[in-house]
N, C-alpha and C. Protein backbone atom coordinates (compact mmCIF):
# COMPACT_ATOMS: atom_id res chain seq x y z
N MET A 1 0.84 -1.18 0.00
CA MET A 1 0.00 0.00 0.00
C MET A 1 0.88 1.23 0.00
N ARG A 2 0.58 2.14 -0.88
CA ARG A 2 1.37 3.35 -1.02
C ARG A 2 0.87 4.50 -0.16
N GLY A 3 -0.34 4.45 0.29
CA GLY A 3 -0.89 5.55 1.06
C GLY A 3 -1.92 6.31 0.25
N MET A 4 -2.42 7.37 0.83
CA MET A 4 -3.48 8.15 0.20
C MET A 4 -2.98 9.54 -0.13
N THR A 5 -3.91 10.44 -0.41
CA THR A 5 -3.57 11.79 -0.84
C THR A 5 -2.98 12.61 0.30
N VAL A 6 -2.48 13.77 -0.05
CA VAL A 6 -1.87 14.67 0.93
C VAL A 6 -2.90 15.14 1.94
N ILE A 7 -4.11 15.37 1.51
CA ILE A 7 -5.17 15.83 2.42
C ILE A 7 -5.46 14.77 3.47
N VAL A 8 -5.59 13.52 3.05
CA VAL A 8 -5.88 12.43 3.99
C VAL A 8 -4.72 12.24 4.95
N ARG A 9 -3.51 12.32 4.46
CA ARG A 9 -2.34 12.15 5.33
C ARG A 9 -2.24 13.28 6.34
N THR A 10 -2.55 14.50 5.95
CA THR A 10 -2.49 15.64 6.87
C THR A 10 -3.55 15.52 7.96
N VAL A 11 -4.77 15.19 7.57
CA VAL A 11 -5.84 15.03 8.55
C VAL A 11 -5.55 13.85 9.47
N THR A 12 -5.00 12.78 8.92
CA THR A 12 -4.66 11.61 9.74
C THR A 12 -3.60 11.95 10.76
N ALA A 13 -2.61 12.73 10.37
CA ALA A 13 -1.55 13.12 11.32
C ALA A 13 -2.14 13.92 12.48
N LEU A 14 -3.10 14.79 12.20
CA LEU A 14 -3.73 15.58 13.26
C LEU A 14 -4.64 14.73 14.14
N VAL A 15 -5.48 13.92 13.50
CA VAL A 15 -6.45 13.13 14.25
C VAL A 15 -5.76 12.03 15.06
N SER A 16 -4.74 11.42 14.49
CA SER A 16 -4.11 10.31 15.20
C SER A 16 -3.38 10.79 16.46
N ALA A 17 -2.90 12.02 16.47
CA ALA A 17 -2.26 12.55 17.67
C ALA A 17 -3.28 12.66 18.81
N PHE A 18 -4.47 13.16 18.51
CA PHE A 18 -5.51 13.25 19.53
C PHE A 18 -6.02 11.88 19.95
N ALA A 19 -6.15 10.96 19.00
CA ALA A 19 -6.59 9.61 19.32
C ALA A 19 -5.55 8.89 20.17
N LEU A 20 -4.28 9.13 19.91
CA LEU A 20 -3.22 8.54 20.71
C LEU A 20 -3.30 9.04 22.15
N LEU A 21 -3.50 10.34 22.33
CA LEU A 21 -3.65 10.90 23.67
C LEU A 21 -4.88 10.36 24.38
N TYR A 22 -5.96 10.19 23.64
CA TYR A 22 -7.18 9.64 24.22
C TYR A 22 -6.97 8.19 24.66
N GLY A 23 -6.27 7.41 23.86
CA GLY A 23 -5.98 6.03 24.23
C GLY A 23 -5.14 5.95 25.48
N ILE A 24 -4.14 6.81 25.58
CA ILE A 24 -3.29 6.84 26.77
C ILE A 24 -4.12 7.27 27.99
N GLN A 25 -5.01 8.22 27.81
CA GLN A 25 -5.88 8.66 28.91
C GLN A 25 -6.80 7.53 29.36
N LEU A 26 -7.33 6.76 28.43
CA LEU A 26 -8.19 5.63 28.79
C LEU A 26 -7.43 4.61 29.63
N VAL A 27 -6.19 4.37 29.27
CA VAL A 27 -5.39 3.39 30.00
C VAL A 27 -5.04 3.91 31.39
N LEU A 28 -4.59 5.14 31.48
CA LEU A 28 -4.10 5.66 32.76
C LEU A 28 -5.20 5.97 33.76
N TYR A 29 -6.41 6.26 33.29
CA TYR A 29 -7.50 6.57 34.20
C TYR A 29 -8.59 5.50 34.19
N GLY A 30 -8.30 4.34 33.64
CA GLY A 30 -9.29 3.27 33.55
C GLY A 30 -9.64 2.64 34.88
N HIS A 31 -8.79 2.76 35.86
CA HIS A 31 -9.09 2.17 37.17
C HIS A 31 -10.04 3.03 37.99
N THR A 32 -10.25 4.29 37.61
CA THR A 32 -11.16 5.17 38.33
C THR A 32 -12.34 5.63 37.49
N SER A 33 -12.31 5.39 36.20
CA SER A 33 -13.40 5.82 35.32
C SER A 33 -13.59 4.75 34.25
N PRO A 34 -14.66 4.84 33.47
CA PRO A 34 -14.86 3.86 32.40
C PRO A 34 -13.67 3.86 31.43
N GLY A 35 -13.26 2.70 31.07
CA GLY A 35 -12.11 2.55 30.19
C GLY A 35 -11.25 1.43 30.71
N GLY A 36 -9.98 1.55 30.58
CA GLY A 36 -9.08 0.53 31.08
C GLY A 36 -8.13 0.07 30.01
N GLY A 37 -7.49 -1.05 30.29
CA GLY A 37 -6.46 -1.55 29.41
C GLY A 37 -6.97 -2.01 28.06
N PHE A 38 -8.08 -2.73 28.04
CA PHE A 38 -8.57 -3.24 26.77
C PHE A 38 -9.07 -2.12 25.88
N ALA A 39 -9.91 -1.25 26.42
CA ALA A 39 -10.46 -0.15 25.62
C ALA A 39 -9.35 0.79 25.14
N GLY A 40 -8.42 1.11 26.02
CA GLY A 40 -7.30 1.97 25.63
C GLY A 40 -6.41 1.30 24.60
N GLY A 41 -6.19 0.00 24.74
CA GLY A 41 -5.39 -0.73 23.76
C GLY A 41 -6.03 -0.76 22.38
N VAL A 42 -7.36 -0.89 22.35
CA VAL A 42 -8.06 -0.87 21.06
C VAL A 42 -7.93 0.50 20.40
N VAL A 43 -8.06 1.56 21.17
CA VAL A 43 -7.92 2.92 20.61
C VAL A 43 -6.50 3.13 20.09
N LEU A 44 -5.51 2.67 20.84
CA LEU A 44 -4.12 2.80 20.38
C LEU A 44 -3.87 1.99 19.11
N ALA A 45 -4.46 0.81 19.03
CA ALA A 45 -4.31 0.00 17.81
C ALA A 45 -5.01 0.67 16.63
N CYS A 46 -6.14 1.30 16.87
CA CYS A 46 -6.85 2.01 15.80
C CYS A 46 -6.01 3.17 15.26
N CYS A 47 -5.22 3.80 16.13
CA CYS A 47 -4.31 4.86 15.68
C CYS A 47 -3.32 4.31 14.66
N LEU A 48 -2.72 3.19 14.99
CA LEU A 48 -1.75 2.61 14.08
C LEU A 48 -2.41 2.14 12.78
N ILE A 49 -3.60 1.57 12.89
CA ILE A 49 -4.32 1.12 11.70
C ILE A 49 -4.66 2.30 10.80
N LEU A 50 -5.06 3.41 11.41
CA LEU A 50 -5.35 4.62 10.64
C LEU A 50 -4.10 5.12 9.92
N MET A 51 -2.97 5.05 10.59
CA MET A 51 -1.70 5.46 9.97
C MET A 51 -1.34 4.56 8.79
N VAL A 52 -1.58 3.26 8.94
CA VAL A 52 -1.30 2.32 7.84
C VAL A 52 -2.19 2.64 6.65
N LEU A 53 -3.46 2.91 6.90
CA LEU A 53 -4.37 3.21 5.80
C LEU A 53 -4.01 4.51 5.10
N ALA A 54 -3.56 5.50 5.84
CA ALA A 54 -3.27 6.80 5.25
C ALA A 54 -1.88 6.86 4.62
N PHE A 55 -0.87 6.32 5.29
CA PHE A 55 0.50 6.47 4.83
C PHE A 55 1.05 5.24 4.11
N GLY A 56 0.43 4.11 4.30
CA GLY A 56 0.89 2.88 3.65
C GLY A 56 1.62 1.99 4.65
N LYS A 57 1.57 0.70 4.39
CA LYS A 57 2.15 -0.25 5.34
C LYS A 57 3.67 -0.19 5.37
N ASP A 58 4.30 0.16 4.26
CA ASP A 58 5.76 0.22 4.24
C ASP A 58 6.28 1.35 5.12
N PHE A 59 5.62 2.50 5.08
CA PHE A 59 6.02 3.64 5.91
C PHE A 59 5.90 3.30 7.39
N VAL A 60 4.77 2.73 7.77
CA VAL A 60 4.54 2.41 9.18
C VAL A 60 5.46 1.27 9.62
N ALA A 61 5.71 0.32 8.76
CA ALA A 61 6.63 -0.77 9.10
C ALA A 61 8.05 -0.25 9.31
N ASP A 62 8.43 0.78 8.57
CA ASP A 62 9.75 1.37 8.78
C ASP A 62 9.82 2.15 10.08
N VAL A 63 8.73 2.84 10.44
CA VAL A 63 8.72 3.65 11.65
C VAL A 63 8.59 2.78 12.90
N ILE A 64 7.65 1.85 12.90
CA ILE A 64 7.38 1.05 14.10
C ILE A 64 8.01 -0.33 13.99
N GLY A 65 7.69 -1.05 12.95
CA GLY A 65 8.27 -2.37 12.76
C GLY A 65 7.46 -3.47 13.43
N VAL A 66 7.43 -4.61 12.81
CA VAL A 66 6.69 -5.75 13.33
C VAL A 66 7.39 -6.31 14.57
N ARG A 67 8.70 -6.24 14.59
CA ARG A 67 9.45 -6.72 15.76
C ARG A 67 9.12 -5.91 17.01
N THR A 68 8.94 -4.61 16.86
CA THR A 68 8.57 -3.77 17.98
C THR A 68 7.20 -4.16 18.53
N LEU A 69 6.27 -4.48 17.63
CA LEU A 69 4.95 -4.92 18.08
C LEU A 69 5.05 -6.23 18.85
N SER A 70 5.87 -7.13 18.39
CA SER A 70 6.06 -8.40 19.07
C SER A 70 6.68 -8.21 20.45
N VAL A 71 7.66 -7.33 20.54
CA VAL A 71 8.31 -7.05 21.83
C VAL A 71 7.32 -6.41 22.79
N CYS A 72 6.50 -5.47 22.32
CA CYS A 72 5.52 -4.80 23.17
C CYS A 72 4.49 -5.80 23.71
N SER A 73 4.04 -6.71 22.87
CA SER A 73 3.10 -7.71 23.32
C SER A 73 3.72 -8.63 24.36
N SER A 74 4.96 -9.00 24.16
CA SER A 74 5.64 -9.87 25.13
C SER A 74 5.90 -9.15 26.45
N VAL A 75 6.29 -7.89 26.38
CA VAL A 75 6.52 -7.12 27.60
C VAL A 75 5.22 -6.97 28.39
N GLY A 76 4.12 -6.73 27.69
CA GLY A 76 2.83 -6.63 28.37
C GLY A 76 2.44 -7.92 29.07
N ALA A 77 2.65 -9.05 28.41
CA ALA A 77 2.33 -10.35 29.02
C ALA A 77 3.23 -10.62 30.23
N LEU A 78 4.51 -10.32 30.10
CA LEU A 78 5.43 -10.53 31.23
C LEU A 78 5.12 -9.60 32.40
N LEU A 79 4.72 -8.38 32.11
CA LEU A 79 4.36 -7.43 33.16
C LEU A 79 3.13 -7.91 33.91
N PHE A 80 2.14 -8.39 33.17
CA PHE A 80 0.92 -8.90 33.80
C PHE A 80 1.22 -10.12 34.66
N LEU A 81 2.04 -11.03 34.15
CA LEU A 81 2.42 -12.21 34.91
C LEU A 81 3.23 -11.83 36.14
N SER A 82 4.10 -10.85 36.01
CA SER A 82 4.92 -10.40 37.14
C SER A 82 4.05 -9.83 38.26
N VAL A 83 3.03 -9.08 37.91
CA VAL A 83 2.12 -8.54 38.93
C VAL A 83 1.40 -9.68 39.64
N GLY A 84 1.00 -10.67 38.88
CA GLY A 84 0.34 -11.82 39.50
C GLY A 84 1.25 -12.58 40.43
N LEU A 85 2.49 -12.79 40.02
CA LEU A 85 3.42 -13.54 40.86
C LEU A 85 3.90 -12.72 42.06
N LEU A 86 3.94 -11.41 41.93
CA LEU A 86 4.29 -10.58 43.09
C LEU A 86 3.22 -10.64 44.17
N GLY A 87 1.99 -10.94 43.77
CA GLY A 87 0.95 -11.18 44.76
C GLY A 87 1.29 -12.39 45.62
N TYR A 88 1.81 -13.44 44.97
CA TYR A 88 2.27 -14.60 45.74
C TYR A 88 3.42 -14.24 46.66
N ALA A 89 4.34 -13.43 46.18
CA ALA A 89 5.49 -13.04 46.99
C ALA A 89 5.05 -12.24 48.22
N ALA A 90 3.95 -11.51 48.10
CA ALA A 90 3.41 -10.75 49.22
C ALA A 90 2.49 -11.60 50.09
N ARG A 91 2.51 -12.92 49.86
CA ARG A 91 1.68 -13.88 50.62
C ARG A 91 0.20 -13.59 50.47
N ARG A 92 -0.19 -13.33 49.25
CA ARG A 92 -1.60 -13.09 48.92
C ARG A 92 -1.94 -13.93 47.69
N PRO A 93 -3.22 -13.94 47.29
CA PRO A 93 -3.59 -14.71 46.09
C PRO A 93 -3.01 -14.10 44.81
N PHE A 94 -3.04 -14.90 43.74
CA PHE A 94 -2.56 -14.45 42.43
C PHE A 94 -3.35 -13.24 41.98
N LEU A 95 -2.66 -12.22 41.47
CA LEU A 95 -3.24 -10.95 41.00
C LEU A 95 -3.97 -10.17 42.09
N SER A 96 -3.59 -10.36 43.33
CA SER A 96 -4.22 -9.56 44.38
C SER A 96 -3.64 -8.15 44.35
N ASN A 97 -4.41 -7.22 44.83
CA ASN A 97 -4.00 -5.81 44.82
C ASN A 97 -3.15 -5.54 46.05
N PHE A 98 -1.91 -6.02 46.02
CA PHE A 98 -1.05 -5.91 47.19
C PHE A 98 -0.50 -4.50 47.39
N LEU A 99 -0.65 -3.61 46.42
CA LEU A 99 -0.20 -2.22 46.56
C LEU A 99 -1.34 -1.28 46.94
N ALA A 100 -2.50 -1.82 47.26
CA ALA A 100 -3.66 -0.96 47.55
C ALA A 100 -3.43 -0.11 48.79
N ALA A 101 -2.75 -0.64 49.78
CA ALA A 101 -2.50 0.13 51.00
C ALA A 101 -1.49 1.25 50.76
N VAL A 102 -0.56 1.02 49.84
CA VAL A 102 0.47 2.01 49.55
C VAL A 102 -0.09 3.15 48.69
N ALA A 103 -0.85 2.79 47.67
CA ALA A 103 -1.35 3.79 46.72
C ALA A 103 -2.87 3.68 46.62
N LYS A 104 -3.57 4.17 47.63
CA LYS A 104 -5.02 4.04 47.66
C LYS A 104 -5.70 4.79 46.51
N SER A 105 -5.25 5.98 46.22
CA SER A 105 -5.91 6.77 45.18
C SER A 105 -5.45 6.41 43.78
N HIS A 106 -4.39 5.63 43.65
CA HIS A 106 -3.86 5.31 42.33
C HIS A 106 -4.19 3.90 41.87
N GLY A 107 -4.97 3.17 42.63
CA GLY A 107 -5.42 1.86 42.19
C GLY A 107 -4.45 0.73 42.45
N GLY A 108 -3.28 1.01 42.93
CA GLY A 108 -2.33 -0.05 43.23
C GLY A 108 -1.90 -0.82 42.00
N THR A 109 -2.10 -2.11 42.04
CA THR A 109 -1.66 -2.96 40.91
C THR A 109 -2.63 -2.92 39.74
N ILE A 110 -3.82 -2.36 39.95
CA ILE A 110 -4.79 -2.31 38.87
C ILE A 110 -4.28 -1.45 37.72
N LEU A 111 -3.64 -0.35 38.03
CA LEU A 111 -3.07 0.52 37.00
C LEU A 111 -1.97 -0.20 36.21
N VAL A 112 -1.13 -0.94 36.91
CA VAL A 112 -0.07 -1.68 36.24
C VAL A 112 -0.66 -2.76 35.34
N CYS A 113 -1.70 -3.43 35.80
CA CYS A 113 -2.37 -4.44 34.97
C CYS A 113 -3.03 -3.80 33.75
N ASP A 114 -3.61 -2.62 33.92
CA ASP A 114 -4.21 -1.91 32.78
C ASP A 114 -3.16 -1.57 31.72
N VAL A 115 -2.00 -1.12 32.15
CA VAL A 115 -0.93 -0.80 31.20
C VAL A 115 -0.47 -2.06 30.48
N ALA A 116 -0.33 -3.16 31.22
CA ALA A 116 0.09 -4.42 30.61
C ALA A 116 -0.93 -4.92 29.60
N ILE A 117 -2.20 -4.84 29.94
CA ILE A 117 -3.25 -5.28 29.02
C ILE A 117 -3.28 -4.39 27.79
N ALA A 118 -3.12 -3.08 27.97
CA ALA A 118 -3.12 -2.16 26.83
C ALA A 118 -1.96 -2.46 25.89
N LEU A 119 -0.79 -2.76 26.43
CA LEU A 119 0.35 -3.12 25.57
C LEU A 119 0.05 -4.37 24.76
N MET A 120 -0.51 -5.39 25.42
CA MET A 120 -0.81 -6.64 24.71
C MET A 120 -1.87 -6.43 23.64
N VAL A 121 -2.95 -5.74 23.98
CA VAL A 121 -4.05 -5.56 23.03
C VAL A 121 -3.62 -4.69 21.85
N ALA A 122 -2.97 -3.57 22.12
CA ALA A 122 -2.56 -2.67 21.04
C ALA A 122 -1.58 -3.35 20.10
N ALA A 123 -0.59 -4.03 20.65
CA ALA A 123 0.41 -4.69 19.82
C ALA A 123 -0.19 -5.86 19.05
N SER A 124 -1.06 -6.61 19.68
CA SER A 124 -1.64 -7.78 19.01
C SER A 124 -2.58 -7.38 17.89
N LEU A 125 -3.48 -6.43 18.15
CA LEU A 125 -4.40 -6.00 17.09
C LEU A 125 -3.66 -5.34 15.94
N SER A 126 -2.66 -4.54 16.26
CA SER A 126 -1.86 -3.90 15.20
C SER A 126 -1.10 -4.94 14.40
N GLY A 127 -0.55 -5.94 15.09
CA GLY A 127 0.17 -7.00 14.39
C GLY A 127 -0.72 -7.81 13.48
N VAL A 128 -1.95 -8.09 13.93
CA VAL A 128 -2.89 -8.82 13.07
C VAL A 128 -3.23 -8.00 11.84
N PHE A 129 -3.45 -6.70 12.01
CA PHE A 129 -3.75 -5.86 10.85
C PHE A 129 -2.57 -5.78 9.89
N MET A 130 -1.36 -5.66 10.45
CA MET A 130 -0.17 -5.62 9.59
C MET A 130 -0.01 -6.92 8.82
N ALA A 131 -0.32 -8.04 9.48
CA ALA A 131 -0.22 -9.34 8.80
C ALA A 131 -1.25 -9.44 7.69
N PHE A 132 -2.47 -8.99 7.96
CA PHE A 132 -3.50 -9.03 6.91
C PHE A 132 -3.16 -8.08 5.76
N SER A 133 -2.56 -6.94 6.06
CA SER A 133 -2.23 -6.00 4.99
C SER A 133 -1.09 -6.53 4.12
N ALA A 134 -0.33 -7.47 4.62
CA ALA A 134 0.75 -8.05 3.80
C ALA A 134 0.19 -8.92 2.68
N PHE A 135 -1.02 -9.44 2.85
CA PHE A 135 -1.62 -10.29 1.84
C PHE A 135 -2.47 -9.53 0.83
N ARG A 136 -2.56 -8.23 0.99
CA ARG A 136 -3.34 -7.41 0.06
C ARG A 136 -2.57 -7.26 -1.23
N PRO A 137 -3.19 -7.58 -2.37
CA PRO A 137 -2.47 -7.40 -3.64
C PRO A 137 -2.26 -5.92 -3.94
N GLU A 138 -1.11 -5.60 -4.43
CA GLU A 138 -0.79 -4.21 -4.78
C GLU A 138 -1.59 -3.77 -6.00
N ASP A 139 -1.96 -2.51 -6.01
CA ASP A 139 -2.73 -1.96 -7.16
C ASP A 139 -1.82 -1.67 -8.32
């Protein structure tokens, strides 16, 4: 895919910046308001998909890369597993909120789990779209 016209690319650059900020806001405030890791991850993945549609898959693959998406997904999974195992280390059940007493207003481990889930969802959905776009015949 080569991308679209200059108008579409300009509007996409503006819109994707706001969508990226909104996705980050959903992830960071998901433990106290509607949203969270999954919803924020989907919004972040939609940003990348919008960039692929506007600028072309080769441009986005050069900027981000499929390997980066794979690493982000793996880091998110390891972070989520680490939070779960740290619950055991604190002599509590798996994925217990062992930081709740330390950070009452910040959600404790819930915020960390939201970030981990957002990394996994955003990287996985973006990777699936990039894989599907590789099979699209060129015009």
